[in-house]
Amino acid sequence: MLSLPTLVRGVFQEMVIPPPVRPPRVVKFLKPYVLKMHFTNKYVNAQVIHAPTATVASAASSQEKALRTSMESTQDVAAAAKIGKILGERLLLKEIPAVSVFLKREQKYHGKVKAVIDSLRDAGVKLL
C-alpha cells in the first residue's frame, strides 16, 4: 500500500491509498471441468474434476467389477475406448456437456489417450 504525506491543518499526515480492487479470476470458471487420465500396466482410469472445488465430478475405471466381466482385457486400447464411452455417458447423465483435457508431459495424443478422448467425443461430450 502506498502512503502519501498530505497537509492537514498545517501538519503533515500520512494518507493511505488502498490497492486497486481486482475482479475475481475468470480463468477458473471458463474451463471448470478437467479430464485427467491415468494408465497403469493393468488398468485404465479416467476422471473429470471440477477445478474450482477440486472434487471429482465423474470417474470410470477398468477396475470396476461390473466392467471387468464385460471386457477382454483391462489394459489395452479397446479398454481405454470403453472407459471413455462410459465416462461420456456418465457425464451426460450429470448434465456436464463440455470438458477440457489435461495431458501430462509424457502423454501424447496417441494410443490409449486418443482412444479415451475420441470415445468421449463420440459419446457427445464437447472438448475444450
N, C-alpha and C. Protein backbone atom coordinates (compact mmCIF):
# COMPACT_ATOMS: atom_id res chain seq x y z
N MET A 1 0.84 -1.17 0.00
CA MET A 1 0.00 0.00 0.00
C MET A 1 0.89 1.24 0.00
N LEU A 2 0.45 2.22 -0.73
CA LEU A 2 1.19 3.48 -0.81
C LEU A 2 0.69 4.43 0.27
N SER A 3 1.61 5.21 0.76
CA SER A 3 1.19 6.26 1.68
C SER A 3 1.82 7.56 1.20
N LEU A 4 1.01 8.57 1.12
CA LEU A 4 1.46 9.87 0.65
C LEU A 4 1.26 10.88 1.78
N PRO A 5 2.26 11.77 1.99
CA PRO A 5 2.06 12.79 3.02
C PRO A 5 1.09 13.86 2.51
N THR A 6 0.16 14.25 3.34
CA THR A 6 -0.79 15.30 3.00
C THR A 6 -0.76 16.36 4.10
N LEU A 7 -1.07 17.57 3.73
CA LEU A 7 -1.07 18.68 4.68
C LEU A 7 -2.48 18.88 5.20
N VAL A 8 -2.69 18.61 6.48
CA VAL A 8 -3.99 18.79 7.12
C VAL A 8 -3.79 19.70 8.33
N ARG A 9 -4.40 20.89 8.31
CA ARG A 9 -4.34 21.87 9.39
C ARG A 9 -2.90 22.21 9.77
N GLY A 10 -2.07 22.33 8.75
CA GLY A 10 -0.70 22.75 8.98
C GLY A 10 0.22 21.61 9.41
N VAL A 11 -0.30 20.35 9.51
CA VAL A 11 0.51 19.21 9.93
C VAL A 11 0.47 18.17 8.82
N PHE A 12 1.65 17.63 8.52
CA PHE A 12 1.68 16.57 7.52
C PHE A 12 1.20 15.26 8.15
N GLN A 13 0.25 14.62 7.47
CA GLN A 13 -0.24 13.32 7.92
C GLN A 13 -0.11 12.34 6.76
N GLU A 14 -0.03 11.05 7.09
CA GLU A 14 0.06 10.01 6.07
C GLU A 14 -1.34 9.67 5.57
N MET A 15 -1.51 9.70 4.26
CA MET A 15 -2.77 9.30 3.66
C MET A 15 -2.54 7.95 2.98
N VAL A 16 -3.31 6.96 3.36
CA VAL A 16 -3.12 5.61 2.83
C VAL A 16 -4.02 5.41 1.62
N ILE A 17 -3.40 4.96 0.53
CA ILE A 17 -4.15 4.68 -0.70
C ILE A 17 -4.35 3.17 -0.76
N PRO A 18 -5.60 2.70 -0.75
CA PRO A 18 -5.83 1.25 -0.81
C PRO A 18 -5.45 0.70 -2.18
N PRO A 19 -5.10 -0.58 -2.24
CA PRO A 19 -4.76 -1.18 -3.53
C PRO A 19 -6.00 -1.27 -4.41
N PRO A 20 -5.82 -1.32 -5.72
CA PRO A 20 -6.99 -1.41 -6.61
C PRO A 20 -7.71 -2.74 -6.40
N VAL A 21 -9.02 -2.67 -6.52
CA VAL A 21 -9.83 -3.87 -6.36
C VAL A 21 -9.84 -4.62 -7.68
N ARG A 22 -9.35 -5.86 -7.65
CA ARG A 22 -9.30 -6.66 -8.87
C ARG A 22 -10.52 -7.56 -8.94
N PRO A 23 -11.05 -7.76 -10.13
CA PRO A 23 -12.16 -8.70 -10.25
C PRO A 23 -11.66 -10.11 -10.00
N PRO A 24 -12.54 -11.03 -9.57
CA PRO A 24 -12.09 -12.40 -9.35
C PRO A 24 -11.61 -13.03 -10.65
N ARG A 25 -10.67 -13.95 -10.52
CA ARG A 25 -10.11 -14.58 -11.71
C ARG A 25 -11.19 -15.33 -12.48
N VAL A 26 -11.26 -15.05 -13.75
CA VAL A 26 -12.29 -15.64 -14.59
C VAL A 26 -11.82 -16.97 -15.18
N VAL A 27 -10.52 -17.18 -15.24
CA VAL A 27 -9.96 -18.34 -15.92
C VAL A 27 -10.48 -19.65 -15.33
N LYS A 28 -10.60 -19.71 -14.00
CA LYS A 28 -11.02 -20.98 -13.40
C LYS A 28 -12.49 -21.29 -13.67
N PHE A 29 -13.27 -20.31 -14.09
CA PHE A 29 -14.67 -20.56 -14.40
C PHE A 29 -14.89 -20.85 -15.88
N LEU A 30 -13.91 -20.55 -16.73
CA LEU A 30 -14.09 -20.80 -18.15
C LEU A 30 -14.03 -22.28 -18.46
N LYS A 31 -13.12 -23.00 -17.81
CA LYS A 31 -12.98 -24.43 -18.03
C LYS A 31 -13.05 -25.15 -16.69
N PRO A 32 -14.24 -25.24 -16.10
CA PRO A 32 -14.29 -25.78 -14.75
C PRO A 32 -14.10 -27.29 -14.67
N TYR A 33 -14.41 -28.03 -15.73
CA TYR A 33 -14.30 -29.48 -15.68
C TYR A 33 -13.08 -29.94 -16.48
N VAL A 34 -12.21 -30.69 -15.82
CA VAL A 34 -10.94 -31.11 -16.42
C VAL A 34 -10.89 -32.63 -16.43
N LEU A 35 -10.57 -33.20 -17.60
CA LEU A 35 -10.40 -34.64 -17.75
C LEU A 35 -8.97 -35.01 -17.43
N LYS A 36 -8.79 -35.95 -16.51
CA LYS A 36 -7.45 -36.46 -16.20
C LYS A 36 -7.47 -37.97 -16.36
N MET A 37 -6.41 -38.49 -16.96
CA MET A 37 -6.32 -39.92 -17.23
C MET A 37 -5.08 -40.49 -16.58
N HIS A 38 -5.21 -41.73 -16.13
CA HIS A 38 -4.07 -42.43 -15.54
C HIS A 38 -4.06 -43.86 -16.06
N PHE A 39 -2.92 -44.28 -16.55
CA PHE A 39 -2.79 -45.62 -17.12
C PHE A 39 -1.73 -46.39 -16.34
N THR A 40 -2.08 -47.60 -15.91
CA THR A 40 -1.10 -48.48 -15.29
C THR A 40 -0.90 -49.66 -16.21
N ASN A 41 -0.05 -50.59 -15.81
CA ASN A 41 0.17 -51.78 -16.64
C ASN A 41 -1.03 -52.71 -16.61
N LYS A 42 -1.94 -52.54 -15.66
CA LYS A 42 -3.12 -53.40 -15.55
C LYS A 42 -4.43 -52.71 -15.86
N TYR A 43 -4.54 -51.41 -15.57
CA TYR A 43 -5.85 -50.75 -15.63
C TYR A 43 -5.78 -49.39 -16.33
N VAL A 44 -6.98 -48.93 -16.70
CA VAL A 44 -7.16 -47.61 -17.30
C VAL A 44 -8.11 -46.84 -16.39
N ASN A 45 -7.72 -45.63 -15.98
CA ASN A 45 -8.55 -44.80 -15.12
C ASN A 45 -8.73 -43.44 -15.77
N ALA A 46 -9.94 -42.91 -15.72
CA ALA A 46 -10.22 -41.57 -16.23
C ALA A 46 -11.21 -40.91 -15.28
N GLN A 47 -10.96 -39.65 -14.98
CA GLN A 47 -11.87 -38.93 -14.10
C GLN A 47 -11.98 -37.48 -14.55
N VAL A 48 -13.13 -36.89 -14.27
CA VAL A 48 -13.37 -35.49 -14.58
C VAL A 48 -13.47 -34.76 -13.25
N ILE A 49 -12.65 -33.73 -13.10
CA ILE A 49 -12.55 -33.00 -11.84
C ILE A 49 -13.14 -31.61 -12.03
N HIS A 50 -13.95 -31.19 -11.07
CA HIS A 50 -14.47 -29.82 -11.05
C HIS A 50 -13.39 -28.96 -10.41
N ALA A 51 -12.69 -28.17 -11.21
CA ALA A 51 -11.48 -27.48 -10.77
C ALA A 51 -11.72 -26.45 -9.65
N PRO A 52 -12.77 -25.62 -9.70
CA PRO A 52 -12.93 -24.64 -8.61
C PRO A 52 -13.11 -25.26 -7.23
N THR A 53 -13.77 -26.41 -7.15
CA THR A 53 -13.99 -27.04 -5.85
C THR A 53 -13.06 -28.22 -5.62
N ALA A 54 -12.30 -28.63 -6.64
CA ALA A 54 -11.36 -29.76 -6.54
C ALA A 54 -12.06 -31.05 -6.12
N THR A 55 -13.23 -31.29 -6.67
CA THR A 55 -13.95 -32.52 -6.39
C THR A 55 -14.10 -33.32 -7.68
N VAL A 56 -14.23 -34.62 -7.55
CA VAL A 56 -14.39 -35.48 -8.72
C VAL A 56 -15.86 -35.45 -9.14
N ALA A 57 -16.11 -34.99 -10.35
CA ALA A 57 -17.48 -34.91 -10.86
C ALA A 57 -17.95 -36.27 -11.34
N SER A 58 -17.06 -36.99 -12.02
CA SER A 58 -17.40 -38.32 -12.53
C SER A 58 -16.11 -39.07 -12.82
N ALA A 59 -16.19 -40.39 -12.74
CA ALA A 59 -14.99 -41.20 -12.98
C ALA A 59 -15.40 -42.55 -13.56
N ALA A 60 -14.47 -43.15 -14.27
CA ALA A 60 -14.65 -44.50 -14.80
C ALA A 60 -13.30 -45.20 -14.76
N SER A 61 -13.32 -46.48 -14.45
CA SER A 61 -12.08 -47.23 -14.35
C SER A 61 -12.32 -48.66 -14.80
N SER A 62 -11.29 -49.27 -15.36
CA SER A 62 -11.41 -50.67 -15.75
C SER A 62 -11.27 -51.59 -14.54
N GLN A 63 -11.09 -51.03 -13.34
CA GLN A 63 -11.04 -51.81 -12.12
C GLN A 63 -12.43 -52.13 -11.58
N GLU A 64 -13.46 -51.44 -12.05
CA GLU A 64 -14.80 -51.66 -11.54
C GLU A 64 -15.25 -53.08 -11.87
N LYS A 65 -15.84 -53.75 -10.89
CA LYS A 65 -16.21 -55.15 -11.06
C LYS A 65 -17.23 -55.34 -12.18
N ALA A 66 -18.16 -54.43 -12.30
CA ALA A 66 -19.19 -54.55 -13.33
C ALA A 66 -18.58 -54.45 -14.73
N LEU A 67 -17.51 -53.70 -14.88
CA LEU A 67 -16.90 -53.52 -16.19
C LEU A 67 -15.90 -54.63 -16.51
N ARG A 68 -15.21 -55.14 -15.48
CA ARG A 68 -14.17 -56.15 -15.72
C ARG A 68 -14.72 -57.40 -16.38
N THR A 69 -15.94 -57.79 -16.03
CA THR A 69 -16.50 -59.01 -16.60
C THR A 69 -16.84 -58.85 -18.07
N SER A 70 -17.16 -57.61 -18.50
CA SER A 70 -17.56 -57.40 -19.90
C SER A 70 -16.38 -57.08 -20.81
N MET A 71 -15.17 -56.96 -20.27
CA MET A 71 -14.00 -56.62 -21.09
C MET A 71 -13.10 -57.83 -21.24
N GLU A 72 -12.50 -57.94 -22.43
CA GLU A 72 -11.50 -58.99 -22.63
C GLU A 72 -10.24 -58.67 -21.84
N SER A 73 -9.75 -57.44 -21.98
CA SER A 73 -8.56 -57.01 -21.29
C SER A 73 -8.84 -55.68 -20.62
N THR A 74 -8.21 -55.43 -19.49
CA THR A 74 -8.45 -54.17 -18.76
C THR A 74 -7.36 -53.15 -19.01
N GLN A 75 -6.46 -53.41 -19.97
CA GLN A 75 -5.31 -52.53 -20.13
C GLN A 75 -5.05 -52.04 -21.53
N ASP A 76 -5.73 -52.56 -22.54
CA ASP A 76 -5.39 -52.21 -23.92
C ASP A 76 -6.20 -51.02 -24.42
N VAL A 77 -6.04 -50.72 -25.70
CA VAL A 77 -6.69 -49.56 -26.31
C VAL A 77 -8.21 -49.74 -26.35
N ALA A 78 -8.67 -50.97 -26.54
CA ALA A 78 -10.12 -51.21 -26.55
C ALA A 78 -10.73 -50.92 -25.17
N ALA A 79 -10.00 -51.28 -24.12
CA ALA A 79 -10.48 -50.98 -22.77
C ALA A 79 -10.52 -49.47 -22.55
N ALA A 80 -9.52 -48.75 -23.05
CA ALA A 80 -9.49 -47.30 -22.92
C ALA A 80 -10.67 -46.67 -23.65
N ALA A 81 -11.00 -47.20 -24.84
CA ALA A 81 -12.14 -46.67 -25.59
C ALA A 81 -13.45 -46.92 -24.84
N LYS A 82 -13.57 -48.08 -24.22
CA LYS A 82 -14.79 -48.39 -23.47
C LYS A 82 -14.92 -47.50 -22.24
N ILE A 83 -13.79 -47.24 -21.57
CA ILE A 83 -13.81 -46.36 -20.40
C ILE A 83 -14.22 -44.95 -20.81
N GLY A 84 -13.71 -44.48 -21.94
CA GLY A 84 -14.10 -43.16 -22.43
C GLY A 84 -15.58 -43.07 -22.76
N LYS A 85 -16.12 -44.12 -23.35
CA LYS A 85 -17.55 -44.14 -23.68
C LYS A 85 -18.40 -44.12 -22.42
N ILE A 86 -18.03 -44.93 -21.43
CA ILE A 86 -18.79 -44.99 -20.18
C ILE A 86 -18.70 -43.66 -19.44
N LEU A 87 -17.50 -43.07 -19.42
CA LEU A 87 -17.33 -41.77 -18.76
C LEU A 87 -18.17 -40.70 -19.46
N GLY A 88 -18.21 -40.74 -20.78
CA GLY A 88 -19.03 -39.78 -21.52
C GLY A 88 -20.51 -39.91 -21.19
N GLU A 89 -20.99 -41.14 -21.07
CA GLU A 89 -22.40 -41.35 -20.72
C GLU A 89 -22.68 -40.86 -19.31
N ARG A 90 -21.75 -41.10 -18.38
CA ARG A 90 -21.94 -40.64 -17.01
C ARG A 90 -21.93 -39.12 -16.93
N LEU A 91 -21.09 -38.48 -17.74
CA LEU A 91 -21.06 -37.01 -17.75
C LEU A 91 -22.36 -36.44 -18.27
N LEU A 92 -22.90 -37.04 -19.32
CA LEU A 92 -24.15 -36.53 -19.88
C LEU A 92 -25.31 -36.76 -18.91
N LEU A 93 -25.26 -37.83 -18.12
CA LEU A 93 -26.29 -38.04 -17.11
C LEU A 93 -26.24 -36.97 -16.03
N LYS A 94 -25.03 -36.50 -15.72
CA LYS A 94 -24.87 -35.45 -14.72
C LYS A 94 -24.98 -34.05 -15.33
N GLU A 95 -25.33 -33.99 -16.61
CA GLU A 95 -25.52 -32.73 -17.34
C GLU A 95 -24.25 -31.88 -17.38
N ILE A 96 -23.14 -32.54 -17.69
CA ILE A 96 -21.87 -31.85 -17.91
C ILE A 96 -21.58 -31.96 -19.40
N PRO A 97 -21.82 -30.90 -20.18
CA PRO A 97 -21.72 -31.01 -21.64
C PRO A 97 -20.31 -30.86 -22.20
N ALA A 98 -19.41 -30.20 -21.46
CA ALA A 98 -18.08 -29.91 -22.01
C ALA A 98 -17.00 -30.14 -20.97
N VAL A 99 -15.85 -30.57 -21.46
CA VAL A 99 -14.72 -30.91 -20.59
C VAL A 99 -13.45 -30.42 -21.26
N SER A 100 -12.52 -29.90 -20.47
CA SER A 100 -11.20 -29.59 -21.02
C SER A 100 -10.27 -30.74 -20.67
N VAL A 101 -9.28 -30.97 -21.52
CA VAL A 101 -8.40 -32.13 -21.37
C VAL A 101 -7.07 -31.68 -20.79
N PHE A 102 -6.62 -32.37 -19.75
CA PHE A 102 -5.32 -32.12 -19.15
C PHE A 102 -4.43 -33.31 -19.43
N LEU A 103 -3.39 -33.11 -20.23
CA LEU A 103 -2.44 -34.18 -20.52
C LEU A 103 -1.15 -33.91 -19.78
N LYS A 104 -0.61 -34.95 -19.17
CA LYS A 104 0.68 -34.82 -18.53
C LYS A 104 1.75 -34.69 -19.61
N ARG A 105 2.94 -34.34 -19.19
CA ARG A 105 4.01 -34.08 -20.15
C ARG A 105 4.32 -35.31 -21.00
N GLU A 106 4.27 -36.49 -20.40
CA GLU A 106 4.64 -37.69 -21.14
C GLU A 106 3.47 -38.26 -21.95
N GLN A 107 2.27 -37.72 -21.78
CA GLN A 107 1.12 -38.23 -22.52
C GLN A 107 1.00 -37.53 -23.86
N LYS A 108 1.02 -38.31 -24.91
CA LYS A 108 0.83 -37.79 -26.27
C LYS A 108 -0.57 -38.20 -26.75
N TYR A 109 -1.11 -37.47 -27.72
CA TYR A 109 -2.41 -37.80 -28.27
C TYR A 109 -2.23 -38.99 -29.20
N HIS A 110 -2.13 -40.17 -28.60
CA HIS A 110 -1.81 -41.38 -29.35
C HIS A 110 -2.18 -42.58 -28.49
N GLY A 111 -2.62 -43.64 -29.10
CA GLY A 111 -2.88 -44.88 -28.37
C GLY A 111 -4.06 -44.79 -27.43
N LYS A 112 -3.82 -45.12 -26.15
CA LYS A 112 -4.90 -45.14 -25.16
C LYS A 112 -5.46 -43.75 -24.91
N VAL A 113 -4.62 -42.75 -24.90
CA VAL A 113 -5.08 -41.37 -24.68
C VAL A 113 -6.04 -40.97 -25.80
N LYS A 114 -5.67 -41.27 -27.03
CA LYS A 114 -6.51 -40.96 -28.18
C LYS A 114 -7.82 -41.73 -28.11
N ALA A 115 -7.76 -42.99 -27.67
CA ALA A 115 -8.98 -43.81 -27.58
C ALA A 115 -9.96 -43.22 -26.57
N VAL A 116 -9.47 -42.80 -25.41
CA VAL A 116 -10.35 -42.21 -24.39
C VAL A 116 -10.97 -40.92 -24.90
N ILE A 117 -10.15 -40.04 -25.47
CA ILE A 117 -10.64 -38.74 -25.91
C ILE A 117 -11.62 -38.88 -27.08
N ASP A 118 -11.31 -39.74 -28.04
CA ASP A 118 -12.21 -39.92 -29.18
C ASP A 118 -13.54 -40.54 -28.76
N SER A 119 -13.52 -41.50 -27.85
CA SER A 119 -14.78 -42.10 -27.43
C SER A 119 -15.60 -41.13 -26.57
N LEU A 120 -14.94 -40.24 -25.84
CA LEU A 120 -15.67 -39.19 -25.13
C LEU A 120 -16.37 -38.27 -26.13
N ARG A 121 -15.65 -37.92 -27.17
CA ARG A 121 -16.20 -37.06 -28.22
C ARG A 121 -17.38 -37.75 -28.92
N ASP A 122 -17.23 -39.05 -29.18
CA ASP A 122 -18.31 -39.81 -29.83
C ASP A 122 -19.54 -39.94 -28.95
N ALA A 123 -19.34 -39.94 -27.62
CA ALA A 123 -20.47 -40.04 -26.69
C ALA A 123 -21.27 -38.75 -26.64
N GLY A 124 -20.70 -37.65 -27.15
CA GLY A 124 -21.46 -36.39 -27.19
C GLY A 124 -20.92 -35.31 -26.28
N VAL A 125 -19.79 -35.54 -25.63
CA VAL A 125 -19.18 -34.54 -24.76
C VAL A 125 -18.28 -33.66 -25.61
N LYS A 126 -18.41 -32.35 -25.44
CA LYS A 126 -17.55 -31.43 -26.19
C LYS A 126 -16.24 -31.27 -25.45
N LEU A 127 -15.17 -31.16 -26.19
CA LEU A 127 -13.84 -30.97 -25.62
C LEU A 127 -13.38 -29.55 -25.85
N LEU A 128 -12.93 -28.90 -24.81
CA LEU A 128 -12.48 -27.51 -24.90
C LEU A 128 -10.99 -27.47 -25.04
